[in-house]
């Protein structure tokens, strides 16, 4: 974790992501992201900004190519919830 990074629980993370994606879908760490109507390139860019702003995690569009769920994003970004 980066000094000054946000500390949040899994529940807070899921709530933030739900707001970020502007979805009414109930999210879990295992939600299959590609099946969400709201998961697109703009959502990925918003996720990239969210991860950098809150956790100091720098990711690229290519990092999301094979991402299936939020658990994989947390692992890829090396975040501890």
PDB file of N, CA and C in Angstrom:
ATOM      1  N   UNK A   1       0.838  -1.171   0.000  1.00  0.00           N
ATOM      2  CA  UNK A   1       0.000   0.000   0.000  1.00  0.00           C
ATOM      3  C   UNK A   1       0.883   1.234   0.000  1.00  0.00           C
ATOM      4  N   UNK A   2       0.417   2.267  -0.640  1.00  0.00           N
ATOM      5  CA  UNK A   2       1.141   3.523  -0.761  1.00  0.00           C
ATOM      6  C   UNK A   2       0.836   4.399   0.448  1.00  0.00           C
ATOM      7  N   UNK A   3       1.844   5.141   0.930  1.00  0.00           N
ATOM      8  CA  UNK A   3       1.617   6.065   2.032  1.00  0.00           C
ATOM      9  C   UNK A   3       0.541   7.054   1.616  1.00  0.00           C
ATOM     10  N   UNK A   4      -0.432   7.259   2.490  1.00  0.00           N
ATOM     11  CA  UNK A   4      -1.532   8.160   2.176  1.00  0.00           C
ATOM     12  C   UNK A   4      -2.654   7.497   1.392  1.00  0.00           C
ATOM     13  N   UNK A   5      -2.502   6.204   1.105  1.00  0.00           N
ATOM     14  CA  UNK A   5      -3.537   5.491   0.358  1.00  0.00           C
ATOM     15  C   UNK A   5      -4.768   5.302   1.242  1.00  0.00           C
ATOM     16  N   UNK A   6      -5.906   5.219   0.612  1.00  0.00           N
ATOM     17  CA  UNK A   6      -7.162   5.010   1.312  1.00  0.00           C
ATOM     18  C   UNK A   6      -7.205   3.603   1.885  1.00  0.00           C
ATOM     19  N   UNK A   7      -7.726   3.498   3.094  1.00  0.00           N
ATOM     20  CA  UNK A   7      -7.959   2.186   3.694  1.00  0.00           C
ATOM     21  C   UNK A   7      -9.467   1.982   3.673  1.00  0.00           C
ATOM     22  N   UNK A   8      -9.901   0.890   3.068  1.00  0.00           N
ATOM     23  CA  UNK A   8     -11.330   0.617   3.044  1.00  0.00           C
ATOM     24  C   UNK A   8     -11.581  -0.870   3.179  1.00  0.00           C
ATOM     25  N   UNK A   9     -12.766  -1.172   3.668  1.00  0.00           N
ATOM     26  CA  UNK A   9     -13.178  -2.558   3.805  1.00  0.00           C
ATOM     27  C   UNK A   9     -13.665  -3.072   2.450  1.00  0.00           C
ATOM     28  N   UNK A  10     -13.855  -4.372   2.371  1.00  0.00           N
ATOM     29  CA  UNK A  10     -14.388  -4.962   1.141  1.00  0.00           C
ATOM     30  C   UNK A  10     -15.769  -4.383   0.834  1.00  0.00           C
ATOM     31  N   UNK A  11     -16.586  -4.221   1.869  1.00  0.00           N
ATOM     32  CA  UNK A  11     -17.935  -3.674   1.687  1.00  0.00           C
ATOM     33  C   UNK A  11     -17.868  -2.247   1.141  1.00  0.00           C
ATOM     34  N   UNK A  12     -16.970  -1.423   1.682  1.00  0.00           N
ATOM     35  CA  UNK A  12     -16.807  -0.053   1.196  1.00  0.00           C
ATOM     36  C   UNK A  12     -16.307  -0.046  -0.248  1.00  0.00           C
ATOM     37  N   UNK A  13     -15.370  -0.940  -0.550  1.00  0.00           N
ATOM     38  CA  UNK A  13     -14.841  -1.052  -1.909  1.00  0.00           C
ATOM     39  C   UNK A  13     -15.960  -1.391  -2.890  1.00  0.00           C
ATOM     40  N   UNK A  14     -16.784  -2.371  -2.538  1.00  0.00           N
ATOM     41  CA  UNK A  14     -17.888  -2.779  -3.414  1.00  0.00           C
ATOM     42  C   UNK A  14     -18.882  -1.637  -3.614  1.00  0.00           C
ATOM     43  N   UNK A  15     -19.159  -0.904  -2.556  1.00  0.00           N
ATOM     44  CA  UNK A  15     -20.065   0.238  -2.648  1.00  0.00           C
ATOM     45  C   UNK A  15     -19.492   1.319  -3.567  1.00  0.00           C
ATOM     46  N   UNK A  16     -18.203   1.598  -3.426  1.00  0.00           N
ATOM     47  CA  UNK A  16     -17.539   2.590  -4.282  1.00  0.00           C
ATOM     48  C   UNK A  16     -17.570   2.158  -5.749  1.00  0.00           C
ATOM     49  N   UNK A  17     -17.315   0.882  -5.993  1.00  0.00           N
ATOM     50  CA  UNK A  17     -17.313   0.373  -7.372  1.00  0.00           C
ATOM     51  C   UNK A  17     -18.723   0.405  -7.952  1.00  0.00           C
ATOM     52  N   UNK A  18     -19.716   0.066  -7.136  1.00  0.00           N
ATOM     53  CA  UNK A  18     -21.102   0.117  -7.605  1.00  0.00           C
ATOM     54  C   UNK A  18     -21.458   1.544  -8.025  1.00  0.00           C
ATOM     55  N   UNK A  19     -21.041   2.522  -7.233  1.00  0.00           N
ATOM     56  CA  UNK A  19     -21.286   3.928  -7.578  1.00  0.00           C
ATOM     57  C   UNK A  19     -20.496   4.323  -8.825  1.00  0.00           C
ATOM     58  N   UNK A  20     -19.254   3.873  -8.888  1.00  0.00           N
ATOM     59  CA  UNK A  20     -18.388   4.168 -10.028  1.00  0.00           C
ATOM     60  C   UNK A  20     -19.006   3.660 -11.332  1.00  0.00           C
ATOM     61  N   UNK A  21     -19.544   2.456 -11.289  1.00  0.00           N
ATOM     62  CA  UNK A  21     -20.146   1.848 -12.477  1.00  0.00           C
ATOM     63  C   UNK A  21     -21.571   2.334 -12.724  1.00  0.00           C
ATOM     64  N   UNK A  22     -22.110   3.070 -11.757  1.00  0.00           N
ATOM     65  CA  UNK A  22     -23.480   3.568 -11.850  1.00  0.00           C
ATOM     66  C   UNK A  22     -24.444   2.436 -12.184  1.00  0.00           C
ATOM     67  N   UNK A  23     -24.332   1.376 -11.385  1.00  0.00           N
ATOM     68  CA  UNK A  23     -25.172   0.210 -11.613  1.00  0.00           C
ATOM     69  C   UNK A  23     -26.037  -0.069 -10.395  1.00  0.00           C
ATOM     70  N   UNK A  24     -27.201  -0.646 -10.634  1.00  0.00           N
ATOM     71  CA  UNK A  24     -28.076  -1.081  -9.549  1.00  0.00           C
ATOM     72  C   UNK A  24     -27.794  -2.535  -9.184  1.00  0.00           C
ATOM     73  N   UNK A  25     -26.941  -3.182  -9.959  1.00  0.00           N
ATOM     74  CA  UNK A  25     -26.533  -4.571  -9.730  1.00  0.00           C
ATOM     75  C   UNK A  25     -25.889  -4.685  -8.347  1.00  0.00           C
ATOM     76  N   UNK A  26     -26.258  -5.716  -7.603  1.00  0.00           N
ATOM     77  CA  UNK A  26     -25.591  -5.986  -6.329  1.00  0.00           C
ATOM     78  C   UNK A  26     -24.270  -6.659  -6.668  1.00  0.00           C
ATOM     79  N   UNK A  27     -23.171  -6.022  -6.277  1.00  0.00           N
ATOM     80  CA  UNK A  27     -21.848  -6.533  -6.629  1.00  0.00           C
ATOM     81  C   UNK A  27     -21.245  -7.349  -5.500  1.00  0.00           C
ATOM     82  N   UNK A  28     -20.451  -8.324  -5.886  1.00  0.00           N
ATOM     83  CA  UNK A  28     -19.626  -9.078  -4.945  1.00  0.00           C
ATOM     84  C   UNK A  28     -18.233  -9.137  -5.549  1.00  0.00           C
ATOM     85  N   UNK A  29     -17.297  -9.635  -4.797  1.00  0.00           N
ATOM     86  CA  UNK A  29     -15.934  -9.746  -5.312  1.00  0.00           C
ATOM     87  C   UNK A  29     -15.880 -10.709  -6.493  1.00  0.00           C
ATOM     88  N   UNK A  30     -16.887 -11.582  -6.601  1.00  0.00           N
ATOM     89  CA  UNK A  30     -16.911 -12.589  -7.662  1.00  0.00           C
ATOM     90  C   UNK A  30     -17.855 -12.243  -8.816  1.00  0.00           C
ATOM     91  N   UNK A  31     -18.422 -11.041  -8.806  1.00  0.00           N
ATOM     92  CA  UNK A  31     -19.302 -10.626  -9.904  1.00  0.00           C
ATOM     93  C   UNK A  31     -18.534 -10.701 -11.224  1.00  0.00           C
ATOM     94  N   UNK A  32     -19.126 -11.360 -12.208  1.00  0.00           N
ATOM     95  CA  UNK A  32     -18.495 -11.507 -13.525  1.00  0.00           C
ATOM     96  C   UNK A  32     -18.641 -10.182 -14.269  1.00  0.00           C
ATOM     97  N   UNK A  33     -17.576  -9.389 -14.272  1.00  0.00           N
ATOM     98  CA  UNK A  33     -17.621  -8.035 -14.829  1.00  0.00           C
ATOM     99  C   UNK A  33     -18.003  -7.979 -16.305  1.00  0.00           C
ATOM    100  N   UNK A  34     -17.450  -8.845 -17.163  1.00  0.00           N
ATOM    101  CA  UNK A  34     -17.814  -8.751 -18.584  1.00  0.00           C
ATOM    102  C   UNK A  34     -19.311  -8.938 -18.857  1.00  0.00           C
ATOM    103  N   UNK A  35     -20.043  -9.546 -17.912  1.00  0.00           N
ATOM    104  CA  UNK A  35     -21.475  -9.749 -18.127  1.00  0.00           C
ATOM    105  C   UNK A  35     -22.306  -8.529 -17.720  1.00  0.00           C
ATOM    106  N   UNK A  36     -21.676  -7.548 -17.055  1.00  0.00           N
ATOM    107  CA  UNK A  36     -22.392  -6.339 -16.667  1.00  0.00           C
ATOM    108  C   UNK A  36     -22.550  -5.411 -17.871  1.00  0.00           C
ATOM    109  N   UNK A  37     -23.741  -4.897 -18.052  1.00  0.00           N
ATOM    110  CA  UNK A  37     -23.985  -3.956 -19.154  1.00  0.00           C
ATOM    111  C   UNK A  37     -23.145  -2.696 -18.989  1.00  0.00           C
ATOM    112  N   UNK A  38     -22.833  -2.350 -17.743  1.00  0.00           N
ATOM    113  CA  UNK A  38     -22.095  -1.119 -17.459  1.00  0.00           C
ATOM    114  C   UNK A  38     -20.580  -1.286 -17.519  1.00  0.00           C
ATOM    115  N   UNK A  39     -20.077  -2.478 -17.797  1.00  0.00           N
ATOM    116  CA  UNK A  39     -18.632  -2.714 -17.844  1.00  0.00           C
ATOM    117  C   UNK A  39     -18.154  -2.516 -19.274  1.00  0.00           C
ATOM    118  N   UNK A  40     -17.534  -1.360 -19.527  1.00  0.00           N
ATOM    119  CA  UNK A  40     -17.035  -1.035 -20.861  1.00  0.00           C
ATOM    120  C   UNK A  40     -15.738  -0.250 -20.716  1.00  0.00           C
ATOM    121  N   UNK A  41     -15.211   0.259 -21.811  1.00  0.00           N
ATOM    122  CA  UNK A  41     -13.920   0.952 -21.765  1.00  0.00           C
ATOM    123  C   UNK A  41     -13.966   2.198 -20.881  1.00  0.00           C
ATOM    124  N   UNK A  42     -15.093   2.889 -20.847  1.00  0.00           N
ATOM    125  CA  UNK A  42     -15.209   4.058 -19.965  1.00  0.00           C
ATOM    126  C   UNK A  42     -15.197   3.639 -18.499  1.00  0.00           C
ATOM    127  N   UNK A  43     -15.836   2.517 -18.196  1.00  0.00           N
ATOM    128  CA  UNK A  43     -15.825   1.994 -16.829  1.00  0.00           C
ATOM    129  C   UNK A  43     -14.419   1.582 -16.424  1.00  0.00           C
ATOM    130  N   UNK A  44     -13.698   0.992 -17.345  1.00  0.00           N
ATOM    131  CA  UNK A  44     -12.320   0.580 -17.058  1.00  0.00           C
ATOM    132  C   UNK A  44     -11.456   1.810 -16.794  1.00  0.00           C
ATOM    133  N   UNK A  45     -11.630   2.857 -17.587  1.00  0.00           N
ATOM    134  CA  UNK A  45     -10.859   4.086 -17.359  1.00  0.00           C
ATOM    135  C   UNK A  45     -11.212   4.700 -16.005  1.00  0.00           C
ATOM    136  N   UNK A  46     -12.488   4.660 -15.640  1.00  0.00           N
ATOM    137  CA  UNK A  46     -12.910   5.165 -14.333  1.00  0.00           C
ATOM    138  C   UNK A  46     -12.310   4.314 -13.219  1.00  0.00           C
ATOM    139  N   UNK A  47     -12.262   2.996 -13.425  1.00  0.00           N
ATOM    140  CA  UNK A  47     -11.661   2.095 -12.433  1.00  0.00           C
ATOM    141  C   UNK A  47     -10.176   2.394 -12.282  1.00  0.00           C
ATOM    142  N   UNK A  48      -9.495   2.634 -13.391  1.00  0.00           N
ATOM    143  CA  UNK A  48      -8.071   2.966 -13.349  1.00  0.00           C
ATOM    144  C   UNK A  48      -7.844   4.224 -12.508  1.00  0.00           C
ATOM    145  N   UNK A  49      -8.656   5.251 -12.729  1.00  0.00           N
ATOM    146  CA  UNK A  49      -8.535   6.504 -11.979  1.00  0.00           C
ATOM    147  C   UNK A  49      -8.856   6.283 -10.502  1.00  0.00           C
ATOM    148  N   UNK A  50      -9.885   5.500 -10.225  1.00  0.00           N
ATOM    149  CA  UNK A  50     -10.278   5.185  -8.847  1.00  0.00           C
ATOM    150  C   UNK A  50      -9.151   4.477  -8.103  1.00  0.00           C
ATOM    151  N   UNK A  51      -8.550   3.476  -8.738  1.00  0.00           N
ATOM    152  CA  UNK A  51      -7.476   2.719  -8.092  1.00  0.00           C
ATOM    153  C   UNK A  51      -6.252   3.591  -7.838  1.00  0.00           C
ATOM    154  N   UNK A  52      -5.931   4.452  -8.787  1.00  0.00           N
ATOM    155  CA  UNK A  52      -4.766   5.324  -8.597  1.00  0.00           C
ATOM    156  C   UNK A  52      -5.039   6.368  -7.518  1.00  0.00           C
ATOM    157  N   UNK A  53      -6.213   6.966  -7.549  1.00  0.00           N
ATOM    158  CA  UNK A  53      -6.567   8.015  -6.595  1.00  0.00           C
ATOM    159  C   UNK A  53      -6.649   7.472  -5.164  1.00  0.00           C
ATOM    160  N   UNK A  54      -7.240   6.307  -4.999  1.00  0.00           N
ATOM    161  CA  UNK A  54      -7.481   5.779  -3.660  1.00  0.00           C
ATOM    162  C   UNK A  54      -6.377   4.884  -3.121  1.00  0.00           C
ATOM    163  N   UNK A  55      -5.649   4.218  -4.013  1.00  0.00           N
ATOM    164  CA  UNK A  55      -4.666   3.238  -3.556  1.00  0.00           C
ATOM    165  C   UNK A  55      -3.274   3.457  -4.132  1.00  0.00           C
ATOM    166  N   UNK A  56      -3.133   4.419  -5.023  1.00  0.00           N
ATOM    167  CA  UNK A  56      -1.834   4.659  -5.649  1.00  0.00           C
ATOM    168  C   UNK A  56      -1.461   3.579  -6.647  1.00  0.00           C
ATOM    169  N   UNK A  57      -2.449   2.776  -7.064  1.00  0.00           N
ATOM    170  CA  UNK A  57      -2.208   1.666  -7.992  1.00  0.00           C
ATOM    171  C   UNK A  57      -2.330   2.162  -9.426  1.00  0.00           C
ATOM    172  N   UNK A  58      -1.263   2.049 -10.179  1.00  0.00           N
ATOM    173  CA  UNK A  58      -1.272   2.465 -11.587  1.00  0.00           C
ATOM    174  C   UNK A  58      -1.507   1.231 -12.454  1.00  0.00           C
ATOM    175  N   UNK A  59      -2.590   1.265 -13.213  1.00  0.00           N
ATOM    176  CA  UNK A  59      -2.928   0.156 -14.101  1.00  0.00           C
ATOM    177  C   UNK A  59      -3.111   0.708 -15.514  1.00  0.00           C
ATOM    178  N   UNK A  60      -3.115  -0.190 -16.479  1.00  0.00           N
ATOM    179  CA  UNK A  60      -3.312   0.198 -17.875  1.00  0.00           C
ATOM    180  C   UNK A  60      -4.516  -0.553 -18.442  1.00  0.00           C
ATOM    181  N   UNK A  61      -5.000  -0.098 -19.570  1.00  0.00           N
ATOM    182  CA  UNK A  61      -6.120  -0.783 -20.226  1.00  0.00           C
ATOM    183  C   UNK A  61      -5.777  -2.245 -20.483  1.00  0.00           C
ATOM    184  N   UNK A  62      -4.545  -2.505 -20.860  1.00  0.00           N
ATOM    185  CA  UNK A  62      -4.120  -3.879 -21.152  1.00  0.00           C
ATOM    186  C   UNK A  62      -4.245  -4.784 -19.928  1.00  0.00           C
ATOM    187  N   UNK A  63      -4.087  -4.220 -18.730  1.00  0.00           N
ATOM    188  CA  UNK A  63      -4.201  -5.011 -17.504  1.00  0.00           C
ATOM    189  C   UNK A  63      -5.592  -5.616 -17.343  1.00  0.00           C
ATOM    190  N   UNK A  64      -6.582  -5.014 -17.962  1.00  0.00           N
ATOM    191  CA  UNK A  64      -7.972  -5.437 -17.788  1.00  0.00           C
ATOM    192  C   UNK A  64      -8.437  -6.412 -18.865  1.00  0.00           C
ATOM    193  N   UNK A  65      -7.569  -6.726 -19.798  1.00  0.00           N
ATOM    194  CA  UNK A  65      -7.950  -7.569 -20.939  1.00  0.00           C
ATOM    195  C   UNK A  65      -8.573  -8.896 -20.513  1.00  0.00           C
ATOM    196  N   UNK A  66      -7.986  -9.548 -19.527  1.00  0.00           N
ATOM    197  CA  UNK A  66      -8.469 -10.867 -19.110  1.00  0.00           C
ATOM    198  C   UNK A  66      -9.110 -10.866 -17.729  1.00  0.00           C
ATOM    199  N   UNK A  67      -9.410  -9.684 -17.199  1.00  0.00           N
ATOM    200  CA  UNK A  67     -10.018  -9.580 -15.872  1.00  0.00           C
ATOM    201  C   UNK A  67     -11.447 -10.111 -15.928  1.00  0.00           C
ATOM    202  N   UNK A  68     -11.777 -10.953 -14.977  1.00  0.00           N
ATOM    203  CA  UNK A  68     -13.115 -11.544 -14.933  1.00  0.00           C
ATOM    204  C   UNK A  68     -13.974 -10.968 -13.806  1.00  0.00           C
ATOM    205  N   UNK A  69     -13.338 -10.622 -12.655  1.00  0.00           N
ATOM    206  CA  UNK A  69     -14.122 -10.169 -11.507  1.00  0.00           C
ATOM    207  C   UNK A  69     -13.335  -9.171 -10.664  1.00  0.00           C
ATOM    208  N   UNK A  70     -13.990  -8.623  -9.653  1.00  0.00           N
ATOM    209  CA  UNK A  70     -13.353  -7.614  -8.802  1.00  0.00           C
ATOM    210  C   UNK A  70     -12.211  -8.197  -7.978  1.00  0.00           C
ATOM    211  N   UNK A  71     -12.326  -9.458  -7.619  1.00  0.00           N
ATOM    212  CA  UNK A  71     -11.240 -10.113  -6.870  1.00  0.00           C
ATOM    213  C   UNK A  71      -9.939 -10.066  -7.684  1.00  0.00           C
ATOM    214  N   UNK A  72     -10.040 -10.280  -8.989  1.00  0.00           N
ATOM    215  CA  UNK A  72      -8.855 -10.227  -9.856  1.00  0.00           C
ATOM    216  C   UNK A  72      -8.305  -8.804  -9.957  1.00  0.00           C
ATOM    217  N   UNK A  73      -9.183  -7.812  -9.944  1.00  0.00           N
ATOM    218  CA  UNK A  73      -8.720  -6.418  -9.974  1.00  0.00           C
ATOM    219  C   UNK A  73      -7.957  -6.089  -8.701  1.00  0.00           C
ATOM    220  N   UNK A  74      -8.495  -6.492  -7.558  1.00  0.00           N
ATOM    221  CA  UNK A  74      -7.829  -6.244  -6.274  1.00  0.00           C
ATOM    222  C   UNK A  74      -6.458  -6.905  -6.255  1.00  0.00           C
ATOM    223  N   UNK A  75      -6.389  -8.134  -6.740  1.00  0.00           N
ATOM    224  CA  UNK A  75      -5.110  -8.852  -6.782  1.00  0.00           C
ATOM    225  C   UNK A  75      -4.132  -8.168  -7.744  1.00  0.00           C
ATOM    226  N   UNK A  76      -4.603  -7.814  -8.940  1.00  0.00           N
ATOM    227  CA  UNK A  76      -3.754  -7.179  -9.938  1.00  0.00           C
ATOM    228  C   UNK A  76      -3.184  -5.864  -9.416  1.00  0.00           C
ATOM    229  N   UNK A  77      -4.021  -5.082  -8.726  1.00  0.00           N
ATOM    230  CA  UNK A  77      -3.608  -3.768  -8.234  1.00  0.00           C
ATOM    231  C   UNK A  77      -2.865  -3.858  -6.900  1.00  0.00           C
ATOM    232  N   UNK A  78      -2.744  -5.082  -6.376  1.00  0.00           N
ATOM    233  CA  UNK A  78      -2.025  -5.317  -5.118  1.00  0.00           C
ATOM    234  C   UNK A  78      -2.640  -4.515  -3.967  1.00  0.00           C
ATOM    235  N   UNK A  79      -3.962  -4.597  -3.865  1.00  0.00           N
ATOM    236  CA  UNK A  79      -4.711  -3.876  -2.830  1.00  0.00           C
ATOM    237  C   UNK A  79      -5.046  -4.836  -1.694  1.00  0.00           C
ATOM    238  N   UNK A  80      -4.958  -4.328  -0.475  1.00  0.00           N
ATOM    239  CA  UNK A  80      -5.389  -5.084   0.695  1.00  0.00           C
ATOM    240  C   UNK A  80      -6.660  -4.441   1.220  1.00  0.00           C
ATOM    241  N   UNK A  81      -7.737  -5.216   1.271  1.00  0.00           N
ATOM    242  CA  UNK A  81      -9.008  -4.703   1.806  1.00  0.00           C
ATOM    243  C   UNK A  81      -9.241  -5.278   3.183  1.00  0.00           C
TER     244      UNK A  81
END
